[in-house]
C-alpha cells in the first residue's frame, strides 16, 4: 500500500499542470482524456467554460479579438483544446473572420455564433456569458450524473476489498482448526 501511494504521488508530481510549459505526463493524460468518449465531454465542457469566461472578460476590458484569444492560451485547458485555440488565433491574425475561423479550427459552434457579426452586433460579451453558463451547467450535470453511477460501484468495490481482507485473515485460522480436529479425541 505504501509503494502504491508513493508511485501515485510521484506520478502526480510529474503530471502537475503548468499551462506555459506542460510536463510530458500531463500531455499523455490530456491525450487520454481527449480520446476517451466520456472524459472528452468533461474536458471539452470545462475548457469551454474557461475559454468563454476569459474571452468575455478580455473583451469587456477593451481588448481586441485576437488579444482576447491570445489570453485564452495561458489558461489551464486541455492541450488538444489549446491547439485548436492556437489555430483559431493564427487564422484571426491572418485576417479571417473570427466566426468562420472558429468553425474551421473545430471549436464549438457556439463560439462562432458569439463572434458572428451578422447575428450579434456588439452583444458578444453577453453571448459569451450565456455560453459560459450553459457549459458550466452542462459540466455540473455530467459530474452529478457520474457521481450517481460511480458511488454505488465504489461502495461495492470497497465491500469486496473488505470481504477479501476478512477472508485472508480468517482462512488460515479455519485451516488450522480443521487440521487440528484430527488430533482431538
N, C-alpha and C. Protein backbone atom coordinates (compact mmCIF):
# COMPACT_ATOMS: atom_id res chain seq x y z
N UNK A 1 0.83 -1.19 0.00
CA UNK A 1 0.00 0.00 0.00
C UNK A 1 0.88 1.26 0.00
N UNK A 2 1.98 1.20 0.76
CA UNK A 2 2.87 2.36 0.81
C UNK A 2 3.53 2.56 -0.55
N UNK A 3 3.89 1.45 -1.20
CA UNK A 3 4.50 1.53 -2.52
C UNK A 3 3.54 2.14 -3.54
N UNK A 4 2.29 1.73 -3.49
CA UNK A 4 1.29 2.27 -4.41
C UNK A 4 1.09 3.76 -4.16
N UNK A 5 1.01 4.17 -2.90
CA UNK A 5 0.86 5.59 -2.57
C UNK A 5 2.07 6.39 -3.05
N UNK A 6 3.26 5.82 -2.91
CA UNK A 6 4.47 6.50 -3.38
C UNK A 6 4.47 6.68 -4.88
N UNK A 7 4.07 5.63 -5.60
CA UNK A 7 4.01 5.72 -7.07
C UNK A 7 2.98 6.75 -7.50
N UNK A 8 1.83 6.76 -6.84
CA UNK A 8 0.79 7.74 -7.17
C UNK A 8 1.29 9.16 -6.91
N UNK A 9 1.98 9.37 -5.81
CA UNK A 9 2.49 10.71 -5.51
C UNK A 9 3.54 11.15 -6.51
N UNK A 10 4.41 10.23 -6.91
CA UNK A 10 5.44 10.57 -7.91
C UNK A 10 4.79 10.89 -9.25
N UNK A 11 3.85 10.06 -9.67
CA UNK A 11 3.16 10.32 -10.94
C UNK A 11 2.38 11.63 -10.88
N UNK A 12 1.79 11.92 -9.75
CA UNK A 12 1.04 13.17 -9.59
C UNK A 12 1.97 14.37 -9.70
N UNK A 13 3.16 14.24 -9.18
CA UNK A 13 4.15 15.32 -9.26
C UNK A 13 4.61 15.52 -10.69
N UNK A 14 4.84 14.44 -11.42
CA UNK A 14 5.27 14.54 -12.81
C UNK A 14 4.15 15.02 -13.71
N UNK A 15 2.91 14.82 -13.28
CA UNK A 15 1.77 15.19 -14.10
C UNK A 15 1.27 16.59 -13.76
N UNK A 16 1.88 17.26 -12.81
CA UNK A 16 1.35 18.54 -12.37
C UNK A 16 1.20 19.51 -13.53
N UNK A 17 0.17 20.31 -13.44
CA UNK A 17 -0.22 21.18 -14.55
C UNK A 17 0.62 22.45 -14.55
N UNK A 18 1.17 22.77 -15.69
CA UNK A 18 1.84 24.04 -15.93
C UNK A 18 1.42 24.47 -17.32
N UNK A 19 0.50 25.44 -17.43
CA UNK A 19 -0.02 25.79 -18.76
C UNK A 19 1.05 26.28 -19.73
N UNK A 20 2.02 27.01 -19.26
CA UNK A 20 3.05 27.53 -20.16
C UNK A 20 3.99 26.47 -20.68
N UNK A 21 4.41 25.59 -19.78
CA UNK A 21 5.34 24.51 -20.14
C UNK A 21 4.82 23.22 -19.53
N UNK A 22 3.92 22.53 -20.22
CA UNK A 22 3.37 21.30 -19.63
C UNK A 22 4.41 20.20 -19.56
N UNK A 23 4.30 19.42 -18.54
CA UNK A 23 5.20 18.28 -18.38
C UNK A 23 4.75 17.15 -19.29
N UNK A 24 5.65 16.23 -19.64
CA UNK A 24 5.29 15.17 -20.59
C UNK A 24 4.12 14.30 -20.14
N UNK A 25 4.06 13.98 -18.86
CA UNK A 25 2.98 13.13 -18.38
C UNK A 25 1.64 13.83 -18.46
N UNK A 26 1.62 15.16 -18.26
CA UNK A 26 0.35 15.87 -18.38
C UNK A 26 -0.14 15.86 -19.83
N UNK A 27 0.80 15.84 -20.79
CA UNK A 27 0.40 15.71 -22.18
C UNK A 27 -0.21 14.36 -22.48
N UNK A 28 0.35 13.31 -21.87
CA UNK A 28 -0.19 11.97 -22.06
C UNK A 28 -1.58 11.87 -21.43
N UNK A 29 -1.71 12.41 -20.22
CA UNK A 29 -3.01 12.37 -19.53
C UNK A 29 -4.03 13.19 -20.31
N UNK A 30 -3.65 14.36 -20.82
CA UNK A 30 -4.58 15.15 -21.64
C UNK A 30 -4.99 14.40 -22.89
N UNK A 31 -4.06 13.70 -23.51
CA UNK A 31 -4.40 12.93 -24.70
C UNK A 31 -5.39 11.82 -24.39
N UNK A 32 -5.17 11.13 -23.29
CA UNK A 32 -6.09 10.06 -22.90
C UNK A 32 -7.46 10.65 -22.59
N UNK A 33 -7.49 11.75 -21.86
CA UNK A 33 -8.78 12.38 -21.54
C UNK A 33 -9.50 12.87 -22.79
N UNK A 34 -8.76 13.30 -23.79
CA UNK A 34 -9.38 13.82 -25.00
C UNK A 34 -9.87 12.70 -25.91
N UNK A 35 -9.25 11.53 -25.84
CA UNK A 35 -9.61 10.43 -26.73
C UNK A 35 -10.80 9.63 -26.20
N UNK A 36 -10.85 9.42 -24.90
CA UNK A 36 -11.95 8.63 -24.32
C UNK A 36 -13.26 9.40 -24.43
N UNK A 37 -14.33 8.74 -24.87
CA UNK A 37 -15.57 9.46 -25.16
C UNK A 37 -16.18 10.18 -23.96
N UNK A 38 -16.24 9.56 -22.81
CA UNK A 38 -16.91 10.19 -21.67
C UNK A 38 -16.05 11.33 -21.11
N UNK A 39 -14.77 11.07 -20.93
CA UNK A 39 -13.91 12.12 -20.36
C UNK A 39 -13.72 13.27 -21.35
N UNK A 40 -13.87 13.01 -22.65
CA UNK A 40 -13.73 14.10 -23.62
C UNK A 40 -14.82 15.14 -23.43
N UNK A 41 -16.03 14.70 -23.15
CA UNK A 41 -17.11 15.68 -22.94
C UNK A 41 -16.84 16.50 -21.68
N UNK A 42 -16.28 15.88 -20.65
CA UNK A 42 -15.91 16.63 -19.45
C UNK A 42 -14.83 17.68 -19.78
N UNK A 43 -13.81 17.25 -20.49
CA UNK A 43 -12.71 18.15 -20.84
C UNK A 43 -13.17 19.29 -21.74
N UNK A 44 -14.00 18.96 -22.73
CA UNK A 44 -14.49 19.99 -23.65
C UNK A 44 -15.34 21.02 -22.90
N UNK A 45 -16.23 20.53 -22.04
CA UNK A 45 -17.10 21.46 -21.30
C UNK A 45 -16.28 22.34 -20.34
N UNK A 46 -15.34 21.73 -19.64
CA UNK A 46 -14.52 22.51 -18.70
C UNK A 46 -13.68 23.54 -19.45
N UNK A 47 -13.11 23.15 -20.57
CA UNK A 47 -12.30 24.08 -21.36
C UNK A 47 -13.15 25.19 -21.95
N UNK A 48 -14.36 24.87 -22.37
CA UNK A 48 -15.24 25.90 -22.94
C UNK A 48 -15.68 26.91 -21.87
N UNK A 49 -15.90 26.44 -20.65
CA UNK A 49 -16.25 27.36 -19.57
C UNK A 49 -15.12 28.35 -19.35
N UNK A 50 -13.90 27.84 -19.25
CA UNK A 50 -12.76 28.72 -19.02
C UNK A 50 -12.54 29.67 -20.19
N UNK A 51 -12.67 29.15 -21.41
CA UNK A 51 -12.43 29.98 -22.59
C UNK A 51 -13.48 31.06 -22.74
N UNK A 52 -14.74 30.70 -22.57
CA UNK A 52 -15.81 31.70 -22.71
C UNK A 52 -15.67 32.79 -21.66
N UNK A 53 -15.35 32.42 -20.43
CA UNK A 53 -15.19 33.43 -19.38
C UNK A 53 -13.98 34.33 -19.65
N UNK A 54 -12.89 33.74 -20.08
CA UNK A 54 -11.69 34.54 -20.37
C UNK A 54 -11.92 35.48 -21.56
N UNK A 55 -12.58 34.99 -22.59
CA UNK A 55 -12.89 35.85 -23.74
C UNK A 55 -13.80 36.99 -23.34
N UNK A 56 -14.81 36.70 -22.55
CA UNK A 56 -15.76 37.74 -22.12
C UNK A 56 -15.05 38.81 -21.29
N UNK A 57 -14.22 38.38 -20.35
CA UNK A 57 -13.51 39.35 -19.51
C UNK A 57 -12.54 40.19 -20.34
N UNK A 58 -11.85 39.56 -21.29
CA UNK A 58 -10.89 40.31 -22.12
C UNK A 58 -11.62 41.31 -23.01
N UNK A 59 -12.74 40.91 -23.58
CA UNK A 59 -13.49 41.84 -24.44
C UNK A 59 -14.11 42.98 -23.62
N UNK A 60 -14.57 42.66 -22.41
CA UNK A 60 -15.10 43.71 -21.53
C UNK A 60 -14.02 44.70 -21.12
N UNK A 61 -12.77 44.22 -21.04
CA UNK A 61 -11.65 45.08 -20.66
C UNK A 61 -11.16 45.94 -21.82
N UNK A 62 -11.69 45.71 -23.01
CA UNK A 62 -11.34 46.53 -24.15
C UNK A 62 -10.29 45.94 -25.07
N UNK A 63 -9.98 44.68 -24.92
CA UNK A 63 -9.01 44.04 -25.80
C UNK A 63 -9.64 43.74 -27.16
N UNK A 64 -8.79 43.61 -28.16
CA UNK A 64 -9.28 43.20 -29.46
C UNK A 64 -9.53 41.70 -29.45
N UNK A 65 -10.14 41.19 -30.51
CA UNK A 65 -10.48 39.77 -30.56
C UNK A 65 -9.23 38.91 -30.53
N UNK A 66 -8.21 39.28 -31.29
CA UNK A 66 -7.00 38.44 -31.29
C UNK A 66 -6.26 38.52 -29.95
N UNK A 67 -6.31 39.65 -29.28
CA UNK A 67 -5.71 39.73 -27.95
C UNK A 67 -6.48 38.88 -26.95
N UNK A 68 -7.80 38.86 -27.09
CA UNK A 68 -8.62 38.04 -26.20
C UNK A 68 -8.35 36.56 -26.42
N UNK A 69 -8.21 36.18 -27.69
CA UNK A 69 -7.92 34.77 -27.98
C UNK A 69 -6.53 34.41 -27.47
N UNK A 70 -5.58 35.31 -27.63
CA UNK A 70 -4.23 35.05 -27.13
C UNK A 70 -4.22 34.89 -25.62
N UNK A 71 -5.11 35.60 -24.93
CA UNK A 71 -5.19 35.47 -23.47
C UNK A 71 -5.69 34.09 -23.06
N UNK A 72 -6.50 33.46 -23.90
CA UNK A 72 -7.01 32.13 -23.55
C UNK A 72 -5.93 31.06 -23.63
N UNK A 73 -4.85 31.34 -24.33
CA UNK A 73 -3.78 30.33 -24.44
C UNK A 73 -3.02 30.14 -23.13
N UNK A 74 -3.17 31.07 -22.20
CA UNK A 74 -2.49 30.93 -20.92
C UNK A 74 -3.34 30.18 -19.90
N UNK A 75 -4.54 29.78 -20.28
CA UNK A 75 -5.42 29.05 -19.37
C UNK A 75 -4.96 27.61 -19.21
N UNK A 76 -5.39 27.00 -18.15
CA UNK A 76 -5.05 25.61 -17.88
C UNK A 76 -6.10 24.71 -18.53
N UNK A 77 -6.11 24.67 -19.86
CA UNK A 77 -7.05 23.84 -20.59
C UNK A 77 -6.33 22.61 -21.14
N UNK A 78 -7.10 21.72 -21.70
CA UNK A 78 -6.55 20.52 -22.31
C UNK A 78 -5.63 20.92 -23.46
N UNK A 79 -4.53 20.19 -23.62
CA UNK A 79 -3.56 20.52 -24.67
C UNK A 79 -4.16 20.43 -26.06
N UNK A 80 -5.06 19.48 -26.28
CA UNK A 80 -5.70 19.34 -27.59
C UNK A 80 -6.62 20.51 -27.86
N UNK A 81 -7.33 20.96 -26.84
CA UNK A 81 -8.20 22.12 -26.99
C UNK A 81 -7.36 23.38 -27.23
N UNK A 82 -6.22 23.46 -26.54
CA UNK A 82 -5.34 24.61 -26.71
C UNK A 82 -4.78 24.68 -28.14
N UNK A 83 -4.55 23.53 -28.76
CA UNK A 83 -4.11 23.52 -30.15
C UNK A 83 -5.17 24.14 -31.06
N UNK A 84 -6.42 23.85 -30.78
CA UNK A 84 -7.50 24.44 -31.57
C UNK A 84 -7.57 25.94 -31.35
N UNK A 85 -7.33 26.37 -30.11
CA UNK A 85 -7.31 27.81 -29.84
C UNK A 85 -6.16 28.49 -30.58
N UNK A 86 -5.00 27.83 -30.64
CA UNK A 86 -3.87 28.39 -31.39
C UNK A 86 -4.19 28.50 -32.87
N UNK A 87 -4.84 27.50 -33.42
CA UNK A 87 -5.23 27.55 -34.83
C UNK A 87 -6.23 28.68 -35.07
N UNK A 88 -7.13 28.88 -34.14
CA UNK A 88 -8.11 29.97 -34.25
C UNK A 88 -7.39 31.32 -34.20
N UNK A 89 -6.44 31.46 -33.28
CA UNK A 89 -5.70 32.71 -33.16
C UNK A 89 -4.92 33.01 -34.43
N UNK A 90 -4.24 32.01 -34.98
CA UNK A 90 -3.45 32.27 -36.18
C UNK A 90 -4.35 32.62 -37.36
N UNK A 91 -5.52 32.02 -37.45
CA UNK A 91 -6.45 32.35 -38.54
C UNK A 91 -6.99 33.77 -38.39
N UNK A 92 -7.28 34.18 -37.16
CA UNK A 92 -7.78 35.54 -36.93
C UNK A 92 -6.67 36.56 -37.20
N UNK A 93 -5.44 36.23 -36.82
CA UNK A 93 -4.33 37.14 -37.08
C UNK A 93 -4.02 37.25 -38.57
N UNK A 94 -4.39 36.25 -39.36
CA UNK A 94 -4.19 36.32 -40.80
C UNK A 94 -5.31 37.07 -41.50
N UNK A 95 -6.29 37.53 -40.74
CA UNK A 95 -7.34 38.36 -41.31
C UNK A 95 -8.67 37.68 -41.55
N UNK A 96 -8.81 36.43 -41.15
CA UNK A 96 -10.08 35.75 -41.33
C UNK A 96 -11.10 36.24 -40.32
N UNK A 97 -12.35 36.08 -40.65
CA UNK A 97 -13.44 36.41 -39.73
C UNK A 97 -13.36 35.48 -38.52
N UNK A 98 -13.58 36.02 -37.32
CA UNK A 98 -13.44 35.23 -36.10
C UNK A 98 -14.43 34.08 -36.06
N UNK A 99 -15.64 34.29 -36.57
CA UNK A 99 -16.66 33.23 -36.53
C UNK A 99 -16.29 32.09 -37.46
N UNK A 100 -15.91 32.40 -38.69
CA UNK A 100 -15.56 31.32 -39.62
C UNK A 100 -14.26 30.65 -39.21
N UNK A 101 -13.33 31.40 -38.64
CA UNK A 101 -12.07 30.81 -38.17
C UNK A 101 -12.32 29.86 -37.00
N UNK A 102 -13.28 30.18 -36.14
CA UNK A 102 -13.61 29.29 -35.02
C UNK A 102 -14.17 27.97 -35.54
N UNK A 103 -15.00 28.04 -36.57
CA UNK A 103 -15.55 26.80 -37.15
C UNK A 103 -14.47 25.98 -37.84
N UNK A 104 -13.58 26.66 -38.55
CA UNK A 104 -12.51 25.94 -39.24
C UNK A 104 -11.53 25.32 -38.25
N UNK A 105 -11.39 25.91 -37.09
CA UNK A 105 -10.48 25.38 -36.06
C UNK A 105 -11.13 24.28 -35.24
N UNK A 106 -12.34 23.93 -35.59
CA UNK A 106 -13.11 22.87 -34.92
C UNK A 106 -13.37 23.18 -33.45
N UNK A 107 -13.61 24.44 -33.17
CA UNK A 107 -14.07 24.82 -31.84
C UNK A 107 -15.59 24.69 -31.81
N UNK A 108 -16.17 24.92 -30.66
CA UNK A 108 -17.62 24.78 -30.54
C UNK A 108 -18.34 25.79 -31.44
N UNK A 109 -19.38 25.37 -32.11
CA UNK A 109 -20.14 26.32 -32.95
C UNK A 109 -20.71 27.49 -32.16
N UNK A 110 -20.85 27.31 -30.86
CA UNK A 110 -21.35 28.41 -30.03
C UNK A 110 -20.37 29.58 -30.03
N UNK A 111 -19.08 29.30 -30.06
CA UNK A 111 -18.09 30.39 -30.14
C UNK A 111 -18.20 31.12 -31.46
N UNK A 112 -18.43 30.38 -32.52
CA UNK A 112 -18.60 31.02 -33.83
C UNK A 112 -19.84 31.89 -33.82
N UNK A 113 -20.90 31.43 -33.19
CA UNK A 113 -22.13 32.21 -33.09
C UNK A 113 -21.91 33.49 -32.28
N UNK A 114 -21.10 33.39 -31.22
CA UNK A 114 -20.85 34.56 -30.38
C UNK A 114 -20.10 35.64 -31.15
N UNK A 115 -19.22 35.24 -32.07
CA UNK A 115 -18.42 36.22 -32.81
C UNK A 115 -18.97 36.52 -34.20
N UNK A 116 -20.14 36.01 -34.52
CA UNK A 116 -20.75 36.28 -35.82
C UNK A 116 -21.29 37.71 -35.82
N UNK A 117 -20.74 38.55 -36.69
CA UNK A 117 -21.13 39.96 -36.71
C UNK A 117 -22.48 40.18 -37.37
N UNK A 118 -22.95 39.24 -38.17
CA UNK A 118 -24.26 39.41 -38.79
C UNK A 118 -25.38 39.15 -37.79
N UNK A 119 -25.15 38.27 -36.83
CA UNK A 119 -26.19 37.90 -35.87
C UNK A 119 -26.13 38.78 -34.63
N UNK A 120 -24.94 38.93 -34.06
CA UNK A 120 -24.79 39.70 -32.81
C UNK A 120 -23.86 40.87 -33.06
N UNK A 121 -24.38 41.99 -33.20
CA UNK A 121 -23.52 43.15 -33.36
C UNK A 121 -23.39 43.84 -32.00
N UNK A 122 -22.22 43.68 -31.40
CA UNK A 122 -21.95 44.31 -30.11
C UNK A 122 -22.43 43.51 -28.91
N UNK A 123 -23.01 42.35 -29.11
CA UNK A 123 -23.52 41.54 -27.99
C UNK A 123 -22.60 40.37 -27.65
N UNK A 124 -21.40 40.37 -28.16
CA UNK A 124 -20.50 39.23 -27.97
C UNK A 124 -20.24 38.93 -26.50
N UNK A 125 -19.93 39.91 -25.64
CA UNK A 125 -19.70 39.56 -24.22
C UNK A 125 -20.93 38.95 -23.55
N UNK A 126 -22.11 39.42 -23.90
CA UNK A 126 -23.33 38.87 -23.32
C UNK A 126 -23.54 37.43 -23.79
N UNK A 127 -23.30 37.20 -25.07
CA UNK A 127 -23.45 35.85 -25.61
C UNK A 127 -22.40 34.92 -24.99
N UNK A 128 -21.19 35.41 -24.80
CA UNK A 128 -20.14 34.59 -24.18
C UNK A 128 -20.50 34.24 -22.74
N UNK A 129 -21.13 35.16 -22.04
CA UNK A 129 -21.56 34.88 -20.67
C UNK A 129 -22.62 33.78 -20.67
N UNK A 130 -23.54 33.85 -21.63
CA UNK A 130 -24.57 32.83 -21.74
C UNK A 130 -23.95 31.47 -22.11
N UNK A 131 -22.99 31.47 -23.01
CA UNK A 131 -22.31 30.23 -23.41
C UNK A 131 -21.56 29.63 -22.22
N UNK A 132 -20.88 30.49 -21.46
CA UNK A 132 -20.16 30.02 -20.28
C UNK A 132 -21.09 29.39 -19.26
N UNK A 133 -22.24 30.01 -19.02
CA UNK A 133 -23.19 29.43 -18.06
C UNK A 133 -23.79 28.14 -18.58
N UNK A 134 -24.01 28.05 -19.90
CA UNK A 134 -24.53 26.80 -20.47
C UNK A 134 -23.54 25.67 -20.27
N UNK A 135 -22.29 25.90 -20.62
CA UNK A 135 -21.30 24.84 -20.48
C UNK A 135 -21.02 24.52 -19.02
N UNK A 136 -21.13 25.49 -18.14
CA UNK A 136 -20.96 25.24 -16.70
C UNK A 136 -22.08 24.33 -16.19
N UNK A 137 -23.32 24.62 -16.58
CA UNK A 137 -24.42 23.77 -16.13
C UNK A 137 -24.32 22.38 -16.76
N UNK A 138 -23.89 22.31 -18.00
CA UNK A 138 -23.70 21.02 -18.66
C UNK A 138 -22.62 20.20 -17.95
N UNK A 139 -21.52 20.85 -17.57
CA UNK A 139 -20.43 20.18 -16.86
C UNK A 139 -20.91 19.70 -15.49
N UNK A 140 -21.63 20.54 -14.77
CA UNK A 140 -22.13 20.16 -13.44
C UNK A 140 -23.11 19.00 -13.54
N UNK A 141 -23.96 19.01 -14.56
CA UNK A 141 -24.90 17.91 -14.75
C UNK A 141 -24.15 16.60 -14.98
N UNK A 142 -23.13 16.63 -15.82
CA UNK A 142 -22.38 15.41 -16.12
C UNK A 142 -21.61 14.91 -14.89
N UNK A 143 -21.08 15.83 -14.11
CA UNK A 143 -20.38 15.43 -12.89
C UNK A 143 -21.35 14.75 -11.92
N UNK A 144 -22.53 15.35 -11.74
CA UNK A 144 -23.51 14.74 -10.84
C UNK A 144 -24.00 13.40 -11.36
N UNK A 145 -24.15 13.28 -12.67
CA UNK A 145 -24.57 12.01 -13.25
C UNK A 145 -23.49 10.95 -13.06
N UNK A 146 -22.23 11.33 -13.22
CA UNK A 146 -21.13 10.39 -13.00
C UNK A 146 -21.09 9.95 -11.53
N UNK A 147 -21.31 10.88 -10.64
CA UNK A 147 -21.34 10.51 -9.21
C UNK A 147 -22.48 9.54 -8.92
N UNK A 148 -23.61 9.77 -9.55
CA UNK A 148 -24.76 8.91 -9.34
C UNK A 148 -24.45 7.47 -9.71
N UNK A 149 -23.69 7.27 -10.78
CA UNK A 149 -23.36 5.92 -11.22
C UNK A 149 -22.12 5.36 -10.54
N UNK A 150 -21.17 6.21 -10.20
CA UNK A 150 -19.90 5.70 -9.67
C UNK A 150 -19.93 5.39 -8.18
N UNK A 151 -20.71 6.14 -7.37
CA UNK A 151 -20.70 5.88 -5.94
C UNK A 151 -21.17 4.48 -5.59
N UNK A 152 -22.23 3.95 -6.19
CA UNK A 152 -22.58 2.56 -5.87
C UNK A 152 -21.48 1.58 -6.29
N UNK A 153 -20.82 1.85 -7.40
CA UNK A 153 -19.72 0.97 -7.84
C UNK A 153 -18.57 1.01 -6.84
N UNK A 154 -18.26 2.19 -6.34
CA UNK A 154 -17.19 2.32 -5.35
C UNK A 154 -17.57 1.60 -4.06
N UNK A 155 -18.83 1.70 -3.66
CA UNK A 155 -19.30 1.03 -2.45
C UNK A 155 -19.18 -0.49 -2.58
N UNK A 156 -19.57 -1.03 -3.73
CA UNK A 156 -19.46 -2.48 -3.95
C UNK A 156 -17.99 -2.89 -3.99
N UNK A 157 -17.14 -2.09 -4.63
CA UNK A 157 -15.72 -2.41 -4.69
C UNK A 157 -15.10 -2.41 -3.29
N UNK A 158 -15.46 -1.43 -2.47
CA UNK A 158 -14.94 -1.40 -1.10
C UNK A 158 -15.44 -2.60 -0.30
N UNK A 159 -16.68 -2.99 -0.50
CA UNK A 159 -17.21 -4.17 0.20
C UNK A 159 -16.44 -5.42 -0.23
N UNK A 160 -16.09 -5.52 -1.50
CA UNK A 160 -15.29 -6.67 -1.98
C UNK A 160 -13.91 -6.67 -1.35
N UNK A 161 -13.30 -5.50 -1.23
CA UNK A 161 -11.97 -5.42 -0.61
C UNK A 161 -12.05 -5.83 0.85
N UNK A 162 -13.05 -5.34 1.58
CA UNK A 162 -13.20 -5.69 2.99
C UNK A 162 -13.46 -7.19 3.13
N UNK A 163 -14.30 -7.74 2.25
CA UNK A 163 -14.56 -9.18 2.29
C UNK A 163 -13.31 -9.98 2.00
N UNK A 164 -12.51 -9.56 1.04
CA UNK A 164 -11.27 -10.27 0.73
C UNK A 164 -10.30 -10.22 1.90
N UNK A 165 -10.19 -9.08 2.55
CA UNK A 165 -9.29 -8.95 3.71
C UNK A 165 -9.78 -9.85 4.85
N UNK A 166 -11.09 -9.85 5.08
CA UNK A 166 -11.63 -10.72 6.14
C UNK A 166 -11.37 -12.18 5.81
N UNK A 167 -11.55 -12.57 4.58
CA UNK A 167 -11.27 -13.95 4.18
C UNK A 167 -9.79 -14.27 4.35
N UNK A 168 -8.91 -13.34 3.97
CA UNK A 168 -7.47 -13.58 4.08
C UNK A 168 -7.04 -13.68 5.54
N UNK A 169 -7.72 -12.96 6.43
CA UNK A 169 -7.34 -13.01 7.84
C UNK A 169 -7.84 -14.29 8.50
N UNK A 170 -9.07 -14.68 8.21
CA UNK A 170 -9.67 -15.80 8.93
C UNK A 170 -9.48 -17.15 8.26
N UNK A 171 -9.11 -17.21 6.99
CA UNK A 171 -8.95 -18.52 6.34
C UNK A 171 -7.78 -19.33 6.93
N UNK A 172 -6.64 -18.75 7.29
CA UNK A 172 -5.61 -19.57 7.94
C UNK A 172 -6.05 -20.13 9.29
N UNK A 173 -6.84 -19.34 10.03
CA UNK A 173 -7.33 -19.80 11.33
C UNK A 173 -8.27 -20.99 11.14
N UNK A 174 -9.13 -20.92 10.16
CA UNK A 174 -10.05 -22.03 9.89
C UNK A 174 -9.27 -23.25 9.41
N UNK A 175 -8.24 -23.05 8.61
CA UNK A 175 -7.42 -24.17 8.13
C UNK A 175 -6.70 -24.84 9.30
N UNK A 176 -6.22 -24.07 10.24
CA UNK A 176 -5.55 -24.64 11.42
C UNK A 176 -6.54 -25.43 12.26
N UNK A 177 -7.75 -24.92 12.44
CA UNK A 177 -8.78 -25.62 13.23
C UNK A 177 -9.14 -26.95 12.57
N UNK A 178 -9.32 -26.95 11.25
CA UNK A 178 -9.66 -28.21 10.57
C UNK A 178 -8.49 -29.20 10.66
N UNK A 179 -7.27 -28.72 10.57
CA UNK A 179 -6.11 -29.61 10.66
C UNK A 179 -5.96 -30.18 12.07
N UNK A 180 -6.29 -29.39 13.08
CA UNK A 180 -6.10 -29.85 14.46
C UNK A 180 -7.27 -30.73 14.91
N UNK A 181 -8.37 -30.81 14.19
CA UNK A 181 -9.51 -31.63 14.58
C UNK A 181 -9.18 -33.12 14.49
N UNK A 182 -8.21 -33.45 13.68
CA UNK A 182 -7.83 -34.87 13.57
C UNK A 182 -7.13 -35.36 14.85
N UNK A 183 -6.56 -34.44 15.59
CA UNK A 183 -5.81 -34.82 16.80
C UNK A 183 -6.68 -34.79 18.07
N UNK A 184 -7.88 -34.32 17.97
CA UNK A 184 -8.78 -34.25 19.13
C UNK A 184 -9.53 -35.56 19.20
N UNK A 185 -9.53 -36.20 20.43
CA UNK A 185 -10.21 -37.50 20.55
C UNK A 185 -11.71 -37.39 20.59
